[in-house]
Amino acid sequence: MITSIKLSPEKIKEIKNFPVVYSRDAPKLTSSQIAGMKPAHQKYWKIEAVKIPLSIKIDADVLAWFKSTGRGYQTRINKALRDVMIQAQYVK
């Protein structure tokens, strides 16, 4: 089950402005320490989205433009749709 979290622009600003407090128990990590981190369970290290085959009709010029940008046009179409989806969550 996929749940979505809708955050208002005000809530996003509040989260970004929330002060981070470092201590001996929770020190600030260096970039190399963060890069060396791995999950406790390796099976959760790489999670891939479930892909569903779909037949869809889109305008020929839109498809032609995506195809003209080279290999991976389906991935770029998916990213464009995801960007619209994410943006719509913040607008509501």
N, C-alpha and C. Protein backbone atom coordinates (compact mmCIF):
# COMPACT_ATOMS: atom_id res chain seq x y z
N MET A 1 0.84 -1.18 0.00
CA MET A 1 0.00 0.00 0.00
C MET A 1 0.88 1.24 0.00
N ILE A 2 0.62 2.14 -0.89
CA ILE A 2 1.39 3.38 -0.99
C ILE A 2 0.58 4.49 -0.32
N THR A 3 1.23 5.17 0.59
CA THR A 3 0.58 6.32 1.21
C THR A 3 1.33 7.57 0.80
N SER A 4 0.61 8.63 0.61
CA SER A 4 1.27 9.88 0.23
C SER A 4 1.14 10.87 1.37
N ILE A 5 2.16 11.64 1.53
CA ILE A 5 2.17 12.68 2.55
C ILE A 5 2.09 14.01 1.83
N LYS A 6 1.08 14.79 2.15
CA LYS A 6 0.92 16.08 1.50
C LYS A 6 1.41 17.15 2.46
N LEU A 7 2.42 17.86 2.04
CA LEU A 7 2.99 18.92 2.86
C LEU A 7 2.71 20.27 2.20
N SER A 8 2.25 21.18 3.00
CA SER A 8 2.02 22.52 2.48
C SER A 8 3.35 23.24 2.37
N PRO A 9 3.42 24.28 1.55
CA PRO A 9 4.67 25.06 1.46
C PRO A 9 5.10 25.61 2.82
N GLU A 10 4.12 25.96 3.66
CA GLU A 10 4.44 26.48 5.00
C GLU A 10 5.10 25.40 5.85
N LYS A 11 4.59 24.16 5.77
CA LYS A 11 5.14 23.05 6.55
C LYS A 11 6.55 22.72 6.06
N ILE A 12 6.76 22.76 4.75
CA ILE A 12 8.09 22.49 4.20
C ILE A 12 9.07 23.54 4.70
N LYS A 13 8.67 24.81 4.71
CA LYS A 13 9.53 25.88 5.21
C LYS A 13 9.84 25.67 6.69
N GLU A 14 8.83 25.26 7.46
CA GLU A 14 9.03 25.01 8.89
C GLU A 14 10.04 23.89 9.12
N ILE A 15 9.92 22.83 8.33
CA ILE A 15 10.85 21.69 8.44
C ILE A 15 12.26 22.13 8.09
N LYS A 16 12.42 22.90 7.01
CA LYS A 16 13.75 23.35 6.59
C LYS A 16 14.38 24.29 7.61
N ASN A 17 13.57 25.06 8.33
CA ASN A 17 14.09 26.01 9.30
C ASN A 17 14.22 25.44 10.71
N PHE A 18 13.84 24.17 10.89
CA PHE A 18 13.93 23.55 12.21
C PHE A 18 15.40 23.39 12.57
N PRO A 19 15.78 23.86 13.75
CA PRO A 19 17.21 23.80 14.09
C PRO A 19 17.69 22.37 14.33
N VAL A 20 18.89 22.08 13.84
CA VAL A 20 19.51 20.78 14.07
C VAL A 20 20.45 20.94 15.25
N VAL A 21 20.29 20.08 16.24
CA VAL A 21 21.12 20.16 17.44
C VAL A 21 22.02 18.93 17.48
N TYR A 22 23.32 19.16 17.45
CA TYR A 22 24.29 18.07 17.54
C TYR A 22 24.74 17.94 18.98
N SER A 23 25.08 16.72 19.37
CA SER A 23 25.56 16.47 20.73
C SER A 23 26.57 15.33 20.68
N ARG A 24 27.06 14.95 21.84
CA ARG A 24 27.99 13.83 21.92
C ARG A 24 27.31 12.54 21.48
N ASP A 25 26.03 12.42 21.78
CA ASP A 25 25.28 11.24 21.40
C ASP A 25 24.84 11.28 19.94
N ALA A 26 24.74 12.47 19.38
CA ALA A 26 24.33 12.63 17.99
C ALA A 26 25.23 13.66 17.32
N PRO A 27 26.50 13.27 17.04
CA PRO A 27 27.44 14.23 16.47
C PRO A 27 27.17 14.48 14.99
N LYS A 28 27.68 15.60 14.49
CA LYS A 28 27.59 15.89 13.07
C LYS A 28 28.54 14.94 12.34
N LEU A 29 28.04 14.31 11.28
CA LEU A 29 28.84 13.35 10.53
C LEU A 29 29.53 14.02 9.35
N THR A 30 30.70 13.51 9.05
CA THR A 30 31.42 14.01 7.88
C THR A 30 30.87 13.35 6.61
N SER A 31 31.20 13.91 5.47
CA SER A 31 30.75 13.33 4.20
C SER A 31 31.26 11.91 4.03
N SER A 32 32.49 11.66 4.44
CA SER A 32 33.04 10.30 4.29
C SER A 32 32.35 9.32 5.23
N GLN A 33 31.95 9.75 6.42
CA GLN A 33 31.22 8.87 7.33
C GLN A 33 29.85 8.53 6.74
N ILE A 34 29.18 9.53 6.18
CA ILE A 34 27.87 9.30 5.58
C ILE A 34 27.99 8.36 4.38
N ALA A 35 29.02 8.57 3.55
CA ALA A 35 29.24 7.73 2.37
C ALA A 35 29.49 6.28 2.75
N GLY A 36 30.07 6.04 3.92
CA GLY A 36 30.38 4.68 4.36
C GLY A 36 29.25 3.97 5.06
N MET A 37 28.13 4.65 5.25
CA MET A 37 27.00 4.03 5.96
C MET A 37 26.30 3.00 5.09
N LYS A 38 25.84 1.95 5.74
CA LYS A 38 25.07 0.91 5.06
C LYS A 38 23.92 0.52 5.98
N PRO A 39 22.81 0.07 5.40
CA PRO A 39 21.68 -0.32 6.24
C PRO A 39 21.99 -1.58 7.05
N ALA A 40 21.25 -1.77 8.12
CA ALA A 40 21.45 -2.95 8.96
C ALA A 40 21.11 -4.22 8.18
N HIS A 41 20.15 -4.15 7.28
CA HIS A 41 19.76 -5.29 6.47
C HIS A 41 20.02 -4.97 5.01
N GLN A 42 20.94 -5.70 4.41
CA GLN A 42 21.39 -5.43 3.05
C GLN A 42 20.25 -5.48 2.03
N LYS A 43 19.19 -6.28 2.30
CA LYS A 43 18.12 -6.39 1.32
C LYS A 43 17.37 -5.08 1.14
N TYR A 44 17.50 -4.15 2.09
CA TYR A 44 16.83 -2.86 1.99
C TYR A 44 17.73 -1.79 1.36
N TRP A 45 18.93 -2.16 0.97
CA TRP A 45 19.89 -1.20 0.44
C TRP A 45 19.41 -0.59 -0.87
N LYS A 46 18.88 -1.42 -1.75
CA LYS A 46 18.42 -0.92 -3.04
C LYS A 46 16.96 -1.31 -3.22
N ILE A 47 16.12 -0.32 -3.24
CA ILE A 47 14.70 -0.55 -3.44
C ILE A 47 14.32 0.04 -4.79
N GLU A 48 13.73 -0.78 -5.62
CA GLU A 48 13.34 -0.32 -6.95
C GLU A 48 11.83 -0.20 -7.03
N ALA A 49 11.38 0.78 -7.76
CA ALA A 49 9.95 0.97 -7.96
C ALA A 49 9.38 -0.17 -8.79
N VAL A 50 8.16 -0.53 -8.50
CA VAL A 50 7.48 -1.56 -9.28
C VAL A 50 7.04 -0.93 -10.60
N LYS A 51 7.39 -1.56 -11.69
CA LYS A 51 7.02 -1.07 -13.02
C LYS A 51 5.85 -1.90 -13.53
N ILE A 52 4.86 -1.23 -14.08
CA ILE A 52 3.67 -1.89 -14.59
C ILE A 52 3.56 -1.61 -16.09
N PRO A 53 3.48 -2.66 -16.91
CA PRO A 53 3.30 -2.43 -18.34
C PRO A 53 1.96 -1.72 -18.57
N LEU A 54 1.96 -0.78 -19.49
CA LEU A 54 0.77 0.04 -19.71
C LEU A 54 0.70 0.46 -21.17
N SER A 55 -0.50 0.43 -21.69
CA SER A 55 -0.73 0.96 -23.03
C SER A 55 -1.43 2.30 -22.86
N ILE A 56 -0.84 3.34 -23.43
CA ILE A 56 -1.37 4.69 -23.26
C ILE A 56 -1.28 5.43 -24.59
N LYS A 57 -2.25 6.27 -24.84
CA LYS A 57 -2.22 7.08 -26.06
C LYS A 57 -1.80 8.50 -25.67
N ILE A 58 -0.72 8.96 -26.30
CA ILE A 58 -0.28 10.34 -26.10
C ILE A 58 -0.12 11.00 -27.46
N ASP A 59 -0.10 12.29 -27.47
CA ASP A 59 0.02 13.02 -28.73
C ASP A 59 1.33 12.65 -29.43
N ALA A 60 1.25 12.51 -30.74
CA ALA A 60 2.41 12.09 -31.54
C ALA A 60 3.58 13.05 -31.39
N ASP A 61 3.31 14.36 -31.32
CA ASP A 61 4.42 15.31 -31.21
C ASP A 61 5.12 15.21 -29.86
N VAL A 62 4.36 14.88 -28.81
CA VAL A 62 4.95 14.72 -27.49
C VAL A 62 5.87 13.50 -27.49
N LEU A 63 5.38 12.39 -28.02
CA LEU A 63 6.19 11.18 -28.10
C LEU A 63 7.43 11.41 -28.97
N ALA A 64 7.25 12.08 -30.10
CA ALA A 64 8.38 12.36 -31.00
C ALA A 64 9.44 13.18 -30.29
N TRP A 65 9.02 14.16 -29.50
CA TRP A 65 9.99 14.98 -28.79
C TRP A 65 10.77 14.16 -27.79
N PHE A 66 10.07 13.34 -26.99
CA PHE A 66 10.78 12.51 -26.01
C PHE A 66 11.72 11.54 -26.71
N LYS A 67 11.28 10.92 -27.81
CA LYS A 67 12.14 10.00 -28.55
C LYS A 67 13.35 10.72 -29.14
N SER A 68 13.16 11.97 -29.55
CA SER A 68 14.26 12.72 -30.16
C SER A 68 15.38 13.03 -29.17
N THR A 69 15.09 12.90 -27.89
CA THR A 69 16.11 13.17 -26.86
C THR A 69 17.00 11.97 -26.60
N GLY A 70 16.75 10.86 -27.33
CA GLY A 70 17.64 9.71 -27.24
C GLY A 70 17.07 8.57 -26.41
N ARG A 71 17.97 7.59 -26.19
CA ARG A 71 17.58 6.41 -25.42
C ARG A 71 17.09 6.81 -24.03
N GLY A 72 16.19 6.00 -23.49
CA GLY A 72 15.68 6.27 -22.16
C GLY A 72 14.48 7.20 -22.14
N TYR A 73 13.85 7.36 -23.30
CA TYR A 73 12.73 8.31 -23.35
C TYR A 73 11.57 7.88 -22.45
N GLN A 74 11.35 6.57 -22.28
CA GLN A 74 10.27 6.12 -21.40
C GLN A 74 10.57 6.49 -19.95
N THR A 75 11.82 6.39 -19.56
CA THR A 75 12.22 6.79 -18.21
C THR A 75 12.01 8.28 -18.01
N ARG A 76 12.33 9.08 -19.05
CA ARG A 76 12.12 10.53 -18.94
C ARG A 76 10.64 10.88 -18.89
N ILE A 77 9.81 10.14 -19.63
CA ILE A 77 8.36 10.37 -19.55
C ILE A 77 7.88 10.05 -18.14
N ASN A 78 8.36 8.95 -17.57
CA ASN A 78 7.98 8.57 -16.21
C ASN A 78 8.41 9.65 -15.21
N LYS A 79 9.62 10.18 -15.39
CA LYS A 79 10.09 11.23 -14.48
C LYS A 79 9.25 12.50 -14.61
N ALA A 80 8.88 12.85 -15.83
CA ALA A 80 8.04 14.03 -16.05
C ALA A 80 6.69 13.86 -15.35
N LEU A 81 6.12 12.67 -15.48
CA LEU A 81 4.84 12.41 -14.81
C LEU A 81 5.00 12.43 -13.29
N ARG A 82 6.10 11.88 -12.79
CA ARG A 82 6.34 11.89 -11.34
C ARG A 82 6.51 13.32 -10.84
N ASP A 83 7.21 14.16 -11.58
CA ASP A 83 7.39 15.56 -11.18
C ASP A 83 6.04 16.28 -11.08
N VAL A 84 5.16 16.02 -12.05
CA VAL A 84 3.82 16.62 -12.01
C VAL A 84 3.05 16.11 -10.80
N MET A 85 3.15 14.81 -10.52
CA MET A 85 2.46 14.21 -9.39
C MET A 85 2.93 14.84 -8.07
N ILE A 86 4.24 14.96 -7.91
CA ILE A 86 4.80 15.52 -6.68
C ILE A 86 4.39 17.00 -6.53
N GLN A 87 4.47 17.73 -7.63
CA GLN A 87 4.09 19.14 -7.59
C GLN A 87 2.62 19.29 -7.20
N ALA A 88 1.77 18.42 -7.72
CA ALA A 88 0.33 18.49 -7.41
C ALA A 88 0.07 18.24 -5.93
N GLN A 89 0.91 17.43 -5.28
CA GLN A 89 0.73 17.15 -3.86
C GLN A 89 0.98 18.40 -3.02
N TYR A 90 1.90 19.25 -3.46
CA TYR A 90 2.23 20.45 -2.70
C TYR A 90 1.27 21.60 -2.98
N VAL A 91 0.58 21.55 -4.11
CA VAL A 91 -0.29 22.64 -4.51
C VAL A 91 -1.63 22.58 -3.77
N LYS A 92 -2.08 21.37 -3.48
CA LYS A 92 -3.41 21.21 -2.85
C LYS A 92 -3.52 21.89 -1.52
